[in-house]
Protein backbone atom coordinates (compact mmCIF):
# COMPACT_ATOMS: atom_id res chain seq x y z
CA GLN A 1 5.87 13.59 -13.30
CA VAL A 2 3.54 11.19 -11.07
CA GLN A 3 4.14 11.42 -7.08
CA LEU A 4 3.10 9.02 -4.34
CA VAL A 5 3.85 10.33 -1.29
CA GLU A 6 3.18 7.88 1.78
CA SER A 7 2.78 8.54 5.44
CA GLY A 8 1.20 6.85 8.35
CA GLY A 9 4.14 4.70 9.54
CA GLY A 10 5.60 4.16 13.03
CA LEU A 11 5.85 1.79 15.73
CA VAL A 12 3.75 0.03 17.49
CA GLN A 13 3.06 -3.14 19.80
CA PRO A 14 1.69 -6.07 18.47
CA GLY A 15 -2.05 -6.31 18.63
CA GLY A 16 -2.09 -2.06 17.84
CA SER A 17 -3.35 -0.52 14.73
CA LEU A 18 -1.93 1.94 11.94
CA ARG A 19 -3.42 3.57 9.24
CA LEU A 20 -0.83 4.42 6.00
CA SER A 21 -1.65 6.89 3.64
CA CYS A 22 -0.49 7.24 0.11
CA ALA A 23 -1.38 10.81 -1.69
CA LEU A 24 -1.05 10.40 -5.54
CA SER A 25 -0.39 13.61 -7.65
CA GLU A 26 -2.80 12.86 -10.08
CA SER A 27 -6.25 11.28 -10.24
CA ILE A 28 -6.61 7.52 -9.27
CA PHE A 29 -8.74 7.10 -12.20
CA GLY A 30 -5.57 7.47 -14.01
CA PHE A 31 -4.22 4.03 -12.39
CA ASN A 32 -5.71 0.44 -13.24
CA VAL A 33 -3.93 -0.69 -10.13
CA VAL A 34 -3.11 0.50 -6.65
CA ALA A 35 -1.56 -1.13 -4.04
CA TRP A 36 0.73 -1.59 -0.87
CA TYR A 37 3.72 -3.71 -0.95
CA ARG A 38 6.24 -4.26 1.75
CA GLN A 39 9.64 -4.97 2.47
CA VAL A 40 12.19 -6.40 4.71
CA PRO A 41 15.95 -6.57 4.56
CA GLY A 42 17.13 -9.40 2.54
CA ASN A 43 13.93 -10.14 0.69
CA GLN A 44 12.17 -8.81 -2.54
CA ARG A 45 9.11 -6.16 -2.07
CA GLN A 46 6.13 -8.42 -1.37
CA LEU A 47 2.42 -7.46 -2.15
CA VAL A 48 0.39 -6.82 0.54
CA ALA A 49 -2.67 -5.57 -0.80
CA SER A 50 -4.01 -4.15 -3.97
CA ARG A 51 -6.86 -3.09 -6.16
CA GLN A 52 -7.90 -2.76 -9.72
CA ARG A 53 -9.82 0.47 -11.03
CA PHE A 54 -12.59 -2.19 -10.86
CA GLY A 55 -12.88 -5.32 -8.85
CA SER A 56 -12.75 -6.40 -5.23
CA PRO A 57 -9.27 -5.77 -3.30
CA LYS A 58 -7.14 -8.71 -2.71
CA TYR A 59 -5.10 -9.19 0.18
CA SER A 60 -2.10 -11.38 0.73
CA ASP A 61 -2.79 -14.53 2.91
CA SER A 62 -0.57 -12.89 5.70
CA VAL A 63 -2.84 -10.07 6.46
CA GLN A 64 -6.26 -11.18 5.10
CA GLY A 65 -8.88 -10.56 7.65
CA ARG A 66 -6.68 -7.60 9.50
CA PHE A 67 -5.71 -4.90 6.66
CA THR A 68 -8.04 -2.92 4.34
CA ILE A 69 -7.21 -1.16 1.26
CA SER A 70 -9.04 1.98 0.69
CA ARG A 71 -9.57 4.39 -2.04
CA ASP A 72 -10.69 8.09 -1.60
CA ASN A 73 -11.50 9.34 -5.29
CA ALA A 74 -12.11 12.83 -4.21
CA LYS A 75 -9.04 13.29 -2.08
CA ASN A 76 -6.64 11.49 -4.56
CA THR A 77 -5.36 8.86 -1.67
CA VAL A 78 -4.86 5.12 -1.20
CA ASP A 79 -4.98 3.86 2.43
CA LEU A 80 -3.98 0.32 4.45
CA GLN A 81 -5.44 0.01 7.63
CA MET A 82 -3.71 -2.26 9.53
CA ASN A 83 -5.13 -3.82 13.02
CA SER A 84 -4.02 -6.74 14.92
CA LEU A 85 -0.54 -5.90 14.01
CA LYS A 86 2.20 -8.68 14.28
CA PRO A 87 6.06 -8.43 14.37
CA GLY A 88 5.69 -10.35 11.17
CA ASP A 89 4.20 -6.94 9.81
CA THR A 90 6.88 -5.19 10.21
CA GLY A 91 9.08 -3.70 7.06
CA VAL A 92 9.13 -0.65 5.02
CA TYR A 93 5.61 -0.29 3.16
CA TYR A 94 5.68 1.11 -0.71
CA CYS A 95 2.50 2.41 -2.12
CA ASN A 96 2.60 1.74 -5.82
CA ALA A 97 0.04 2.52 -8.60
CA GLU A 98 -0.08 1.20 -12.25
CA ARG A 99 -1.01 3.05 -15.11
CA MET A 100 -1.36 0.10 -18.19
CA MET A 101 -0.69 1.90 -21.72
CA PRO A 102 -2.21 1.08 -24.61
CA SER A 103 0.31 -0.93 -26.17
CA GLY A 104 -0.21 -3.50 -23.01
CA SER A 105 2.98 -1.90 -21.40
CA SER A 106 2.46 -0.94 -17.64
CA LEU A 107 3.99 2.41 -16.06
CA ASN A 108 4.92 1.76 -12.54
CA TYR A 109 5.24 4.09 -9.73
CA TRP A 110 6.47 4.03 -6.01
CA GLY A 111 6.33 5.97 -3.18
CA GLN A 112 9.80 6.61 -1.00
CA GLY A 113 8.21 4.01 1.49
CA THR A 114 7.21 4.06 5.22
CA GLN A 115 8.51 2.31 7.83
CA VAL A 116 6.52 0.82 10.50
CA THR A 117 7.62 -2.01 13.22
CA VAL A 118 5.58 -3.94 15.10
CA SER A 119 7.28 -4.97 18.74
CA SER A 120 6.73 -4.67 21.91
């Protein structure tokens, strides 16, 4: 079974930085998309950053220029470097990996989530 394990969350002051890491139990090349989502109470899980197997990273408008998603293919990890953090960045961050099936359907795998709190 595919497993995603997230780490790196915590409490940070505005303007600070955090680096989240997602460890995948299988090769990153087995997934067509890897991504990070954020969820806050009362809201749906929102896409923060994503990257296809081939292509450039994509970011939500709110994090553009501050967050960076990266892959380490050798370690099978997907990291999210978060700089210049704002209180609005607070939430539970989830790692996601999508596997496209030949039929066109996709299988989505999720991590357990890691809490990020930006507060003074």
